[in-house]
């Protein structure tokens, strides 16, 4: 025996899709919880919104009432989770909003996109 405590292995925590979807919907109710613009520069999401005619109200509708599509991926920093919320818009194709959930307290919209027709 070396006298040292055994090393503990931390399990990889990944939120359940239904829990992360509920968190995104809850956080998106308050626009102060969502970052997609900057006063200093044009963000990637803003640029894509302009190119793709996806407006703020559409983006918020997807975040508030859409469904989580695809896999949940770890973000680039601890406590971050990357996910895509999708929703079919009336008379249009489906919109995807790729968002980073930060410490289950804030959302950062990475980009918005029209989903390919299947």
PDB file of N, CA and C in Angstrom:
ATOM      1  N   UNK A   1       0.829  -1.185   0.000  1.00  0.00           N
ATOM      2  CA  UNK A   1       0.000   0.000   0.000  1.00  0.00           C
ATOM      3  C   UNK A   1       0.870   1.243   0.000  1.00  0.00           C
ATOM      4  N   UNK A   2       0.486   2.168  -0.795  1.00  0.00           N
ATOM      5  CA  UNK A   2       1.262   3.393  -0.893  1.00  0.00           C
ATOM      6  C   UNK A   2       0.778   4.468   0.068  1.00  0.00           C
ATOM      7  N   UNK A   3      -0.353   4.281   0.686  1.00  0.00           N
ATOM      8  CA  UNK A   3      -0.873   5.281   1.602  1.00  0.00           C
ATOM      9  C   UNK A   3      -1.688   6.367   0.914  1.00  0.00           C
ATOM     10  N   UNK A   4      -1.742   6.325  -0.404  1.00  0.00           N
ATOM     11  CA  UNK A   4      -2.531   7.318  -1.149  1.00  0.00           C
ATOM     12  C   UNK A   4      -3.947   6.810  -1.340  1.00  0.00           C
ATOM     13  N   UNK A   5      -4.840   7.736  -1.417  1.00  0.00           N
ATOM     14  CA  UNK A   5      -6.234   7.379  -1.701  1.00  0.00           C
ATOM     15  C   UNK A   5      -6.328   6.910  -3.148  1.00  0.00           C
ATOM     16  N   UNK A   6      -7.182   5.940  -3.424  1.00  0.00           N
ATOM     17  CA  UNK A   6      -7.318   5.485  -4.813  1.00  0.00           C
ATOM     18  C   UNK A   6      -7.847   6.615  -5.695  1.00  0.00           C
ATOM     19  N   UNK A   7      -7.390   6.615  -6.930  1.00  0.00           N
ATOM     20  CA  UNK A   7      -7.863   7.632  -7.876  1.00  0.00           C
ATOM     21  C   UNK A   7      -9.331   7.400  -8.178  1.00  0.00           C
ATOM     22  N   UNK A   8     -10.053   8.483  -8.252  1.00  0.00           N
ATOM     23  CA  UNK A   8     -11.478   8.391  -8.570  1.00  0.00           C
ATOM     24  C   UNK A   8     -11.667   8.670 -10.049  1.00  0.00           C
ATOM     25  N   UNK A   9     -12.476   7.884 -10.643  1.00  0.00           N
ATOM     26  CA  UNK A   9     -12.785   8.078 -12.056  1.00  0.00           C
ATOM     27  C   UNK A   9     -14.122   8.801 -12.136  1.00  0.00           C
ATOM     28  N   UNK A  10     -14.128   9.926 -12.820  1.00  0.00           N
ATOM     29  CA  UNK A  10     -15.365  10.676 -12.992  1.00  0.00           C
ATOM     30  C   UNK A  10     -16.114  10.145 -14.204  1.00  0.00           C
ATOM     31  N   UNK A  11     -17.375   9.900 -14.023  1.00  0.00           N
ATOM     32  CA  UNK A  11     -18.201   9.444 -15.140  1.00  0.00           C
ATOM     33  C   UNK A  11     -18.510  10.633 -16.041  1.00  0.00           C
ATOM     34  N   UNK A  12     -18.580  10.377 -17.321  1.00  0.00           N
ATOM     35  CA  UNK A  12     -18.961  11.423 -18.261  1.00  0.00           C
ATOM     36  C   UNK A  12     -20.450  11.683 -18.135  1.00  0.00           C
ATOM     37  N   UNK A  13     -20.797  12.849 -17.646  1.00  0.00           N
ATOM     38  CA  UNK A  13     -22.190  13.234 -17.518  1.00  0.00           C
ATOM     39  C   UNK A  13     -22.647  13.834 -18.835  1.00  0.00           C
ATOM     40  N   UNK A  14     -23.705  13.311 -19.369  1.00  0.00           N
ATOM     41  CA  UNK A  14     -24.313  13.877 -20.570  1.00  0.00           C
ATOM     42  C   UNK A  14     -25.796  14.017 -20.252  1.00  0.00           C
ATOM     43  N   UNK A  15     -26.338  15.229 -20.374  1.00  0.00           N
ATOM     44  CA  UNK A  15     -27.753  15.389 -20.041  1.00  0.00           C
ATOM     45  C   UNK A  15     -28.642  14.558 -20.956  1.00  0.00           C
ATOM     46  N   UNK A  16     -29.754  14.125 -20.413  1.00  0.00           N
ATOM     47  CA  UNK A  16     -30.727  13.416 -21.244  1.00  0.00           C
ATOM     48  C   UNK A  16     -31.303  14.403 -22.252  1.00  0.00           C
ATOM     49  N   UNK A  17     -31.569  13.946 -23.472  1.00  0.00           N
ATOM     50  CA  UNK A  17     -32.127  14.855 -24.483  1.00  0.00           C
ATOM     51  C   UNK A  17     -33.383  15.585 -24.008  1.00  0.00           C
ATOM     52  N   UNK A  18     -34.281  14.882 -23.344  1.00  0.00           N
ATOM     53  CA  UNK A  18     -35.517  15.537 -22.885  1.00  0.00           C
ATOM     54  C   UNK A  18     -35.221  16.628 -21.851  1.00  0.00           C
ATOM     55  N   UNK A  19     -34.220  16.410 -21.003  1.00  0.00           N
ATOM     56  CA  UNK A  19     -33.859  17.417 -20.002  1.00  0.00           C
ATOM     57  C   UNK A  19     -33.215  18.640 -20.654  1.00  0.00           C
ATOM     58  N   UNK A  20     -32.314  18.407 -21.619  1.00  0.00           N
ATOM     59  CA  UNK A  20     -31.652  19.530 -22.282  1.00  0.00           C
ATOM     60  C   UNK A  20     -32.658  20.320 -23.119  1.00  0.00           C
ATOM     61  N   UNK A  21     -33.556  19.622 -23.796  1.00  0.00           N
ATOM     62  CA  UNK A  21     -34.607  20.293 -24.569  1.00  0.00           C
ATOM     63  C   UNK A  21     -35.442  21.192 -23.652  1.00  0.00           C
ATOM     64  N   UNK A  22     -35.839  20.681 -22.495  1.00  0.00           N
ATOM     65  CA  UNK A  22     -36.629  21.466 -21.541  1.00  0.00           C
ATOM     66  C   UNK A  22     -35.836  22.673 -21.030  1.00  0.00           C
ATOM     67  N   UNK A  23     -34.551  22.492 -20.800  1.00  0.00           N
ATOM     68  CA  UNK A  23     -33.701  23.592 -20.338  1.00  0.00           C
ATOM     69  C   UNK A  23     -33.605  24.679 -21.394  1.00  0.00           C
ATOM     70  N   UNK A  24     -33.394  24.291 -22.647  1.00  0.00           N
ATOM     71  CA  UNK A  24     -33.304  25.268 -23.737  1.00  0.00           C
ATOM     72  C   UNK A  24     -34.615  26.037 -23.856  1.00  0.00           C
ATOM     73  N   UNK A  25     -35.726  25.328 -23.847  1.00  0.00           N
ATOM     74  CA  UNK A  25     -37.031  25.995 -23.945  1.00  0.00           C
ATOM     75  C   UNK A  25     -37.239  26.982 -22.794  1.00  0.00           C
ATOM     76  N   UNK A  26     -36.901  26.555 -21.586  1.00  0.00           N
ATOM     77  CA  UNK A  26     -37.082  27.412 -20.404  1.00  0.00           C
ATOM     78  C   UNK A  26     -36.200  28.653 -20.485  1.00  0.00           C
ATOM     79  N   UNK A  27     -34.932  28.472 -20.830  1.00  0.00           N
ATOM     80  CA  UNK A  27     -34.015  29.607 -20.905  1.00  0.00           C
ATOM     81  C   UNK A  27     -34.397  30.584 -22.011  1.00  0.00           C
ATOM     82  N   UNK A  28     -34.916  30.076 -23.123  1.00  0.00           N
ATOM     83  CA  UNK A  28     -35.247  30.923 -24.273  1.00  0.00           C
ATOM     84  C   UNK A  28     -36.457  31.818 -24.022  1.00  0.00           C
ATOM     85  N   UNK A  29     -37.223  31.538 -22.981  1.00  0.00           N
ATOM     86  CA  UNK A  29     -38.371  32.395 -22.671  1.00  0.00           C
ATOM     87  C   UNK A  29     -37.907  33.825 -22.401  1.00  0.00           C
ATOM     88  N   UNK A  30     -36.768  33.968 -21.730  1.00  0.00           N
ATOM     89  CA  UNK A  30     -36.223  35.290 -21.411  1.00  0.00           C
ATOM     90  C   UNK A  30     -35.084  35.608 -22.384  1.00  0.00           C
ATOM     91  N   UNK A  31     -35.267  36.592 -23.272  1.00  0.00           N
ATOM     92  CA  UNK A  31     -34.212  36.920 -24.244  1.00  0.00           C
ATOM     93  C   UNK A  31     -32.875  37.291 -23.602  1.00  0.00           C
ATOM     94  N   UNK A  32     -32.899  37.734 -22.339  1.00  0.00           N
ATOM     95  CA  UNK A  32     -31.640  38.061 -21.661  1.00  0.00           C
ATOM     96  C   UNK A  32     -30.777  36.826 -21.419  1.00  0.00           C
ATOM     97  N   UNK A  33     -31.369  35.648 -21.505  1.00  0.00           N
ATOM     98  CA  UNK A  33     -30.618  34.398 -21.337  1.00  0.00           C
ATOM     99  C   UNK A  33     -29.978  33.921 -22.633  1.00  0.00           C
ATOM    100  N   UNK A  34     -30.269  34.602 -23.745  1.00  0.00           N
ATOM    101  CA  UNK A  34     -29.831  34.141 -25.066  1.00  0.00           C
ATOM    102  C   UNK A  34     -28.899  35.181 -25.682  1.00  0.00           C
ATOM    103  N   UNK A  35     -27.718  34.735 -26.089  1.00  0.00           N
ATOM    104  CA  UNK A  35     -26.772  35.637 -26.752  1.00  0.00           C
ATOM    105  C   UNK A  35     -26.604  35.186 -28.197  1.00  0.00           C
ATOM    106  N   UNK A  36     -26.814  36.108 -29.109  1.00  0.00           N
ATOM    107  CA  UNK A  36     -26.592  35.829 -30.520  1.00  0.00           C
ATOM    108  C   UNK A  36     -26.098  37.069 -31.247  1.00  0.00           C
ATOM    109  N   UNK A  37     -26.053  38.175 -30.565  1.00  0.00           N
ATOM    110  CA  UNK A  37     -25.589  39.432 -31.147  1.00  0.00           C
ATOM    111  C   UNK A  37     -24.435  39.988 -30.315  1.00  0.00           C
ATOM    112  N   UNK A  38     -23.676  40.871 -30.950  1.00  0.00           N
ATOM    113  CA  UNK A  38     -22.610  41.581 -30.259  1.00  0.00           C
ATOM    114  C   UNK A  38     -22.601  43.012 -30.766  1.00  0.00           C
ATOM    115  N   UNK A  39     -22.342  43.961 -29.889  1.00  0.00           N
ATOM    116  CA  UNK A  39     -22.243  45.356 -30.320  1.00  0.00           C
ATOM    117  C   UNK A  39     -20.913  45.614 -31.015  1.00  0.00           C
ATOM    118  N   UNK A  40     -19.919  44.792 -30.735  1.00  0.00           N
ATOM    119  CA  UNK A  40     -18.573  45.023 -31.253  1.00  0.00           C
ATOM    120  C   UNK A  40     -18.343  44.435 -32.646  1.00  0.00           C
ATOM    121  N   UNK A  41     -19.074  43.388 -32.987  1.00  0.00           N
ATOM    122  CA  UNK A  41     -18.842  42.723 -34.268  1.00  0.00           C
ATOM    123  C   UNK A  41     -20.087  41.935 -34.668  1.00  0.00           C
ATOM    124  N   UNK A  42     -20.135  41.521 -35.922  1.00  0.00           N
ATOM    125  CA  UNK A  42     -21.247  40.699 -36.401  1.00  0.00           C
ATOM    126  C   UNK A  42     -20.936  39.234 -36.102  1.00  0.00           C
ATOM    127  N   UNK A  43     -21.798  38.593 -35.344  1.00  0.00           N
ATOM    128  CA  UNK A  43     -21.574  37.191 -34.998  1.00  0.00           C
ATOM    129  C   UNK A  43     -21.904  36.292 -36.188  1.00  0.00           C
ATOM    130  N   UNK A  44     -21.459  35.056 -36.092  1.00  0.00           N
ATOM    131  CA  UNK A  44     -21.751  34.075 -37.140  1.00  0.00           C
ATOM    132  C   UNK A  44     -23.260  33.890 -37.287  1.00  0.00           C
ATOM    133  N   UNK A  45     -23.963  33.807 -36.159  1.00  0.00           N
ATOM    134  CA  UNK A  45     -25.420  33.623 -36.208  1.00  0.00           C
ATOM    135  C   UNK A  45     -26.095  34.806 -36.895  1.00  0.00           C
ATOM    136  N   UNK A  46     -25.684  36.033 -36.569  1.00  0.00           N
ATOM    137  CA  UNK A  46     -26.268  37.221 -37.208  1.00  0.00           C
ATOM    138  C   UNK A  46     -26.044  37.202 -38.719  1.00  0.00           C
ATOM    139  N   UNK A  47     -24.834  36.852 -39.106  1.00  0.00           N
ATOM    140  CA  UNK A  47     -24.504  36.809 -40.530  1.00  0.00           C
ATOM    141  C   UNK A  47     -25.386  35.793 -41.251  1.00  0.00           C
ATOM    142  N   UNK A  48     -25.533  34.617 -40.666  1.00  0.00           N
ATOM    143  CA  UNK A  48     -26.355  33.573 -41.290  1.00  0.00           C
ATOM    144  C   UNK A  48     -27.836  33.954 -41.290  1.00  0.00           C
ATOM    145  N   UNK A  49     -28.298  34.635 -40.248  1.00  0.00           N
ATOM    146  CA  UNK A  49     -29.687  35.091 -40.231  1.00  0.00           C
ATOM    147  C   UNK A  49     -29.953  35.976 -41.444  1.00  0.00           C
ATOM    148  N   UNK A  50     -29.056  36.916 -41.704  1.00  0.00           N
ATOM    149  CA  UNK A  50     -29.226  37.818 -42.841  1.00  0.00           C
ATOM    150  C   UNK A  50     -29.172  37.100 -44.173  1.00  0.00           C
ATOM    151  N   UNK A  51     -28.232  36.184 -44.313  1.00  0.00           N
ATOM    152  CA  UNK A  51     -28.089  35.439 -45.570  1.00  0.00           C
ATOM    153  C   UNK A  51     -29.270  34.520 -45.832  1.00  0.00           C
ATOM    154  N   UNK A  52     -29.869  34.000 -44.772  1.00  0.00           N
ATOM    155  CA  UNK A  52     -30.886  32.947 -44.913  1.00  0.00           C
ATOM    156  C   UNK A  52     -32.301  33.424 -44.605  1.00  0.00           C
ATOM    157  N   UNK A  53     -32.461  34.723 -44.382  1.00  0.00           N
ATOM    158  CA  UNK A  53     -33.786  35.282 -44.063  1.00  0.00           C
ATOM    159  C   UNK A  53     -34.456  34.536 -42.910  1.00  0.00           C
ATOM    160  N   UNK A  54     -33.699  34.299 -41.871  1.00  0.00           N
ATOM    161  CA  UNK A  54     -34.231  33.715 -40.635  1.00  0.00           C
ATOM    162  C   UNK A  54     -34.173  34.825 -39.590  1.00  0.00           C
ATOM    163  N   UNK A  55     -35.338  35.281 -39.167  1.00  0.00           N
ATOM    164  CA  UNK A  55     -35.438  36.445 -38.302  1.00  0.00           C
ATOM    165  C   UNK A  55     -35.423  36.049 -36.826  1.00  0.00           C
ATOM    166  N   UNK A  56     -35.185  37.041 -35.969  1.00  0.00           N
ATOM    167  CA  UNK A  56     -35.097  36.785 -34.527  1.00  0.00           C
ATOM    168  C   UNK A  56     -36.324  36.056 -33.998  1.00  0.00           C
ATOM    169  N   UNK A  57     -37.524  36.502 -34.409  1.00  0.00           N
ATOM    170  CA  UNK A  57     -38.738  35.865 -33.888  1.00  0.00           C
ATOM    171  C   UNK A  57     -38.820  34.399 -34.295  1.00  0.00           C
ATOM    172  N   UNK A  58     -38.326  34.067 -35.483  1.00  0.00           N
ATOM    173  CA  UNK A  58     -38.307  32.675 -35.935  1.00  0.00           C
ATOM    174  C   UNK A  58     -37.331  31.860 -35.088  1.00  0.00           C
ATOM    175  N   UNK A  59     -36.157  32.431 -34.841  1.00  0.00           N
ATOM    176  CA  UNK A  59     -35.140  31.751 -34.040  1.00  0.00           C
ATOM    177  C   UNK A  59     -35.673  31.471 -32.633  1.00  0.00           C
ATOM    178  N   UNK A  60     -36.299  32.481 -32.022  1.00  0.00           N
ATOM    179  CA  UNK A  60     -36.841  32.285 -30.675  1.00  0.00           C
ATOM    180  C   UNK A  60     -37.985  31.280 -30.671  1.00  0.00           C
ATOM    181  N   UNK A  61     -38.797  31.266 -31.706  1.00  0.00           N
ATOM    182  CA  UNK A  61     -39.880  30.283 -31.799  1.00  0.00           C
ATOM    183  C   UNK A  61     -39.312  28.866 -31.805  1.00  0.00           C
ATOM    184  N   UNK A  62     -38.241  28.658 -32.567  1.00  0.00           N
ATOM    185  CA  UNK A  62     -37.601  27.335 -32.612  1.00  0.00           C
ATOM    186  C   UNK A  62     -37.046  26.969 -31.234  1.00  0.00           C
ATOM    187  N   UNK A  63     -36.354  27.899 -30.586  1.00  0.00           N
ATOM    188  CA  UNK A  63     -35.770  27.614 -29.271  1.00  0.00           C
ATOM    189  C   UNK A  63     -36.840  27.351 -28.217  1.00  0.00           C
ATOM    190  N   UNK A  64     -37.961  28.048 -28.304  1.00  0.00           N
ATOM    191  CA  UNK A  64     -39.001  27.939 -27.270  1.00  0.00           C
ATOM    192  C   UNK A  64     -39.954  26.773 -27.472  1.00  0.00           C
ATOM    193  N   UNK A  65     -40.165  26.373 -28.736  1.00  0.00           N
ATOM    194  CA  UNK A  65     -41.197  25.356 -28.993  1.00  0.00           C
ATOM    195  C   UNK A  65     -40.732  24.217 -29.890  1.00  0.00           C
ATOM    196  N   UNK A  66     -39.479  24.257 -30.347  1.00  0.00           N
ATOM    197  CA  UNK A  66     -38.979  23.213 -31.230  1.00  0.00           C
ATOM    198  C   UNK A  66     -38.591  21.953 -30.473  1.00  0.00           C
ATOM    199  N   UNK A  67     -37.978  21.038 -31.203  1.00  0.00           N
ATOM    200  CA  UNK A  67     -37.541  19.767 -30.610  1.00  0.00           C
ATOM    201  C   UNK A  67     -36.036  19.618 -30.795  1.00  0.00           C
ATOM    202  N   UNK A  68     -35.414  18.882 -29.890  1.00  0.00           N
ATOM    203  CA  UNK A  68     -33.987  18.635 -29.966  1.00  0.00           C
ATOM    204  C   UNK A  68     -33.737  17.567 -31.028  1.00  0.00           C
ATOM    205  N   UNK A  69     -32.881  17.874 -31.987  1.00  0.00           N
ATOM    206  CA  UNK A  69     -32.591  16.955 -33.093  1.00  0.00           C
ATOM    207  C   UNK A  69     -31.123  16.537 -33.033  1.00  0.00           C
ATOM    208  N   UNK A  70     -30.875  15.275 -33.246  1.00  0.00           N
ATOM    209  CA  UNK A  70     -29.499  14.793 -33.297  1.00  0.00           C
ATOM    210  C   UNK A  70     -28.886  14.607 -31.926  1.00  0.00           C
ATOM    211  N   UNK A  71     -27.574  14.464 -31.937  1.00  0.00           N
ATOM    212  CA  UNK A  71     -26.835  14.164 -30.714  1.00  0.00           C
ATOM    213  C   UNK A  71     -26.510  15.424 -29.922  1.00  0.00           C
ATOM    214  N   UNK A  72     -26.331  15.243 -28.647  1.00  0.00           N
ATOM    215  CA  UNK A  72     -25.820  16.287 -27.763  1.00  0.00           C
ATOM    216  C   UNK A  72     -24.313  16.100 -27.719  1.00  0.00           C
ATOM    217  N   UNK A  73     -23.569  17.183 -27.961  1.00  0.00           N
ATOM    218  CA  UNK A  73     -22.109  17.107 -27.953  1.00  0.00           C
ATOM    219  C   UNK A  73     -21.550  18.000 -26.853  1.00  0.00           C
ATOM    220  N   UNK A  74     -20.437  17.600 -26.256  1.00  0.00           N
ATOM    221  CA  UNK A  74     -19.799  18.499 -25.289  1.00  0.00           C
ATOM    222  C   UNK A  74     -19.320  19.760 -26.003  1.00  0.00           C
ATOM    223  N   UNK A  75     -19.413  20.892 -25.324  1.00  0.00           N
ATOM    224  CA  UNK A  75     -18.898  22.136 -25.877  1.00  0.00           C
ATOM    225  C   UNK A  75     -17.389  22.202 -25.733  1.00  0.00           C
ATOM    226  N   UNK A  76     -16.823  23.331 -26.093  1.00  0.00           N
ATOM    227  CA  UNK A  76     -15.370  23.476 -26.024  1.00  0.00           C
ATOM    228  C   UNK A  76     -14.875  23.763 -24.604  1.00  0.00           C
ATOM    229  N   UNK A  77     -15.788  24.130 -23.700  1.00  0.00           N
ATOM    230  CA  UNK A  77     -15.419  24.415 -22.309  1.00  0.00           C
ATOM    231  C   UNK A  77     -16.234  23.533 -21.366  1.00  0.00           C
ATOM    232  N   UNK A  78     -15.709  23.280 -20.181  1.00  0.00           N
ATOM    233  CA  UNK A  78     -16.485  22.504 -19.197  1.00  0.00           C
ATOM    234  C   UNK A  78     -17.826  23.188 -18.913  1.00  0.00           C
ATOM    235  N   UNK A  79     -18.865  22.381 -18.782  1.00  0.00           N
ATOM    236  CA  UNK A  79     -20.192  22.915 -18.497  1.00  0.00           C
ATOM    237  C   UNK A  79     -20.974  23.331 -19.725  1.00  0.00           C
ATOM    238  N   UNK A  80     -20.397  23.148 -20.918  1.00  0.00           N
ATOM    239  CA  UNK A  80     -21.088  23.519 -22.159  1.00  0.00           C
ATOM    240  C   UNK A  80     -21.585  22.278 -22.890  1.00  0.00           C
ATOM    241  N   UNK A  81     -22.778  22.407 -23.469  1.00  0.00           N
ATOM    242  CA  UNK A  81     -23.364  21.347 -24.292  1.00  0.00           C
ATOM    243  C   UNK A  81     -23.893  21.960 -25.572  1.00  0.00           C
ATOM    244  N   UNK A  82     -23.559  21.339 -26.693  1.00  0.00           N
ATOM    245  CA  UNK A  82     -23.984  21.816 -28.011  1.00  0.00           C
ATOM    246  C   UNK A  82     -25.141  20.949 -28.494  1.00  0.00           C
ATOM    247  N   UNK A  83     -26.197  21.607 -28.954  1.00  0.00           N
ATOM    248  CA  UNK A  83     -27.378  20.880 -29.417  1.00  0.00           C
ATOM    249  C   UNK A  83     -28.054  21.664 -30.533  1.00  0.00           C
ATOM    250  N   UNK A  84     -28.880  20.964 -31.288  1.00  0.00           N
ATOM    251  CA  UNK A  84     -29.654  21.601 -32.353  1.00  0.00           C
ATOM    252  C   UNK A  84     -31.139  21.468 -32.043  1.00  0.00           C
ATOM    253  N   UNK A  85     -31.812  22.608 -32.052  1.00  0.00           N
ATOM    254  CA  UNK A  85     -33.263  22.631 -31.920  1.00  0.00           C
ATOM    255  C   UNK A  85     -33.836  22.868 -33.311  1.00  0.00           C
ATOM    256  N   UNK A  86     -34.906  22.152 -33.655  1.00  0.00           N
ATOM    257  CA  UNK A  86     -35.522  22.265 -34.976  1.00  0.00           C
ATOM    258  C   UNK A  86     -37.024  22.459 -34.855  1.00  0.00           C
ATOM    259  N   UNK A  87     -37.577  23.070 -35.892  1.00  0.00           N
ATOM    260  CA  UNK A  87     -39.029  23.221 -35.965  1.00  0.00           C
ATOM    261  C   UNK A  87     -39.406  23.532 -37.400  1.00  0.00           C
ATOM    262  N   UNK A  88     -40.495  22.910 -37.854  1.00  0.00           N
ATOM    263  CA  UNK A  88     -41.043  23.223 -39.174  1.00  0.00           C
ATOM    264  C   UNK A  88     -41.817  24.530 -39.059  1.00  0.00           C
ATOM    265  N   UNK A  89     -41.523  25.461 -39.942  1.00  0.00           N
ATOM    266  CA  UNK A  89     -42.220  26.740 -39.942  1.00  0.00           C
ATOM    267  C   UNK A  89     -43.355  26.680 -40.957  1.00  0.00           C
ATOM    268  N   UNK A  90     -44.475  27.257 -40.598  1.00  0.00           N
ATOM    269  CA  UNK A  90     -45.661  27.221 -41.459  1.00  0.00           C
ATOM    270  C   UNK A  90     -45.329  27.768 -42.853  1.00  0.00           C
ATOM    271  N   UNK A  91     -45.613  26.963 -43.856  1.00  0.00           N
ATOM    272  CA  UNK A  91     -45.397  27.383 -45.238  1.00  0.00           C
ATOM    273  C   UNK A  91     -43.940  27.424 -45.655  1.00  0.00           C
ATOM    274  N   UNK A  92     -43.065  26.928 -44.814  1.00  0.00           N
ATOM    275  CA  UNK A  92     -41.631  26.952 -45.105  1.00  0.00           C
ATOM    276  C   UNK A  92     -41.005  25.627 -44.701  1.00  0.00           C
ATOM    277  N   UNK A  93     -39.713  25.548 -44.949  1.00  0.00           N
ATOM    278  CA  UNK A  93     -38.975  24.368 -44.513  1.00  0.00           C
ATOM    279  C   UNK A  93     -38.729  24.422 -43.012  1.00  0.00           C
ATOM    280  N   UNK A  94     -38.048  23.411 -42.543  1.00  0.00           N
ATOM    281  CA  UNK A  94     -37.688  23.340 -41.130  1.00  0.00           C
ATOM    282  C   UNK A  94     -36.451  24.195 -40.868  1.00  0.00           C
ATOM    283  N   UNK A  95     -36.440  24.851 -39.720  1.00  0.00           N
ATOM    284  CA  UNK A  95     -35.293  25.660 -39.305  1.00  0.00           C
ATOM    285  C   UNK A  95     -34.546  24.907 -38.207  1.00  0.00           C
ATOM    286  N   UNK A  96     -33.219  24.952 -38.276  1.00  0.00           N
ATOM    287  CA  UNK A  96     -32.374  24.415 -37.222  1.00  0.00           C
ATOM    288  C   UNK A  96     -31.613  25.548 -36.546  1.00  0.00           C
ATOM    289  N   UNK A  97     -31.571  25.531 -35.227  1.00  0.00           N
ATOM    290  CA  UNK A  97     -30.825  26.523 -34.451  1.00  0.00           C
ATOM    291  C   UNK A  97     -29.809  25.761 -33.608  1.00  0.00           C
ATOM    292  N   UNK A  98     -28.537  25.934 -33.943  1.00  0.00           N
ATOM    293  CA  UNK A  98     -27.478  25.271 -33.196  1.00  0.00           C
ATOM    294  C   UNK A  98     -27.118  26.190 -32.033  1.00  0.00           C
ATOM    295  N   UNK A  99     -27.213  25.661 -30.831  1.00  0.00           N
ATOM    296  CA  UNK A  99     -27.006  26.475 -29.639  1.00  0.00           C
ATOM    297  C   UNK A  99     -26.070  25.774 -28.663  1.00  0.00           C
ATOM    298  N   UNK A 100     -25.361  26.574 -27.911  1.00  0.00           N
ATOM    299  CA  UNK A 100     -24.504  26.085 -26.839  1.00  0.00           C
ATOM    300  C   UNK A 100     -25.205  26.430 -25.525  1.00  0.00           C
ATOM    301  N   UNK A 101     -25.446  25.419 -24.711  1.00  0.00           N
ATOM    302  CA  UNK A 101     -26.022  25.628 -23.384  1.00  0.00           C
ATOM    303  C   UNK A 101     -24.847  25.776 -22.421  1.00  0.00           C
ATOM    304  N   UNK A 102     -24.788  26.912 -21.728  1.00  0.00           N
ATOM    305  CA  UNK A 102     -23.655  27.225 -20.862  1.00  0.00           C
ATOM    306  C   UNK A 102     -24.078  27.074 -19.404  1.00  0.00           C
ATOM    307  N   UNK A 103     -23.517  26.061 -18.749  1.00  0.00           N
ATOM    308  CA  UNK A 103     -23.783  25.791 -17.328  1.00  0.00           C
ATOM    309  C   UNK A 103     -25.274  25.720 -17.006  1.00  0.00           C
ATOM    310  N   UNK A 104     -26.064  25.296 -17.962  1.00  0.00           N
ATOM    311  CA  UNK A 104     -27.518  25.160 -17.800  1.00  0.00           C
ATOM    312  C   UNK A 104     -28.171  26.479 -17.384  1.00  0.00           C
ATOM    313  N   UNK A 105     -27.497  27.619 -17.700  1.00  0.00           N
ATOM    314  CA  UNK A 105     -28.006  28.925 -17.286  1.00  0.00           C
ATOM    315  C   UNK A 105     -28.153  29.919 -18.426  1.00  0.00           C
ATOM    316  N   UNK A 106     -27.413  29.755 -19.497  1.00  0.00           N
ATOM    317  CA  UNK A 106     -27.435  30.699 -20.619  1.00  0.00           C
ATOM    318  C   UNK A 106     -27.358  29.925 -21.924  1.00  0.00           C
ATOM    319  N   UNK A 107     -27.798  30.582 -23.007  1.00  0.00           N
ATOM    320  CA  UNK A 107     -27.711  30.006 -24.346  1.00  0.00           C
ATOM    321  C   UNK A 107     -26.873  30.921 -25.224  1.00  0.00           C
ATOM    322  N   UNK A 108     -26.033  30.327 -26.045  1.00  0.00           N
ATOM    323  CA  UNK A 108     -25.307  31.054 -27.078  1.00  0.00           C
ATOM    324  C   UNK A 108     -25.692  30.427 -28.408  1.00  0.00           C
ATOM    325  N   UNK A 109     -26.302  31.208 -29.286  1.00  0.00           N
ATOM    326  CA  UNK A 109     -26.706  30.695 -30.594  1.00  0.00           C
ATOM    327  C   UNK A 109     -25.496  30.750 -31.511  1.00  0.00           C
ATOM    328  N   UNK A 110     -25.070  29.584 -31.941  1.00  0.00           N
ATOM    329  CA  UNK A 110     -23.895  29.485 -32.804  1.00  0.00           C
ATOM    330  C   UNK A 110     -24.253  29.806 -34.248  1.00  0.00           C
ATOM    331  N   UNK A 111     -25.353  29.217 -34.735  1.00  0.00           N
ATOM    332  CA  UNK A 111     -25.793  29.499 -36.099  1.00  0.00           C
ATOM    333  C   UNK A 111     -27.251  29.100 -36.265  1.00  0.00           C
ATOM    334  N   UNK A 112     -27.833  29.553 -37.359  1.00  0.00           N
ATOM    335  CA  UNK A 112     -29.194  29.175 -37.747  1.00  0.00           C
ATOM    336  C   UNK A 112     -29.130  28.683 -39.186  1.00  0.00           C
ATOM    337  N   UNK A 113     -30.004  27.734 -39.521  1.00  0.00           N
ATOM    338  CA  UNK A 113     -29.943  27.160 -40.868  1.00  0.00           C
ATOM    339  C   UNK A 113     -31.293  26.599 -41.275  1.00  0.00           C
ATOM    340  N   UNK A 114     -31.506  26.563 -42.566  1.00  0.00           N
ATOM    341  CA  UNK A 114     -32.651  25.844 -43.119  1.00  0.00           C
ATOM    342  C   UNK A 114     -32.229  24.395 -43.242  1.00  0.00           C
ATOM    343  N   UNK A 115     -33.080  23.491 -42.804  1.00  0.00           N
ATOM    344  CA  UNK A 115     -32.787  22.068 -42.905  1.00  0.00           C
ATOM    345  C   UNK A 115     -33.110  21.596 -44.316  1.00  0.00           C
ATOM    346  N   UNK A 116     -32.313  20.666 -44.820  1.00  0.00           N
ATOM    347  CA  UNK A 116     -32.547  20.109 -46.151  1.00  0.00           C
ATOM    348  C   UNK A 116     -33.859  19.348 -46.177  1.00  0.00           C
ATOM    349  N   UNK A 117     -34.536  19.443 -47.305  1.00  0.00           N
ATOM    350  CA  UNK A 117     -35.761  18.661 -47.480  1.00  0.00           C
ATOM    351  C   UNK A 117     -35.385  17.203 -47.602  1.00  0.00           C
ATOM    352  N   UNK A 118     -36.199  16.345 -47.030  1.00  0.00           N
ATOM    353  CA  UNK A 118     -35.897  14.907 -47.087  1.00  0.00           C
ATOM    354  C   UNK A 118     -36.801  14.239 -48.071  1.00  0.00           C
TER     355      UNK A 118
END
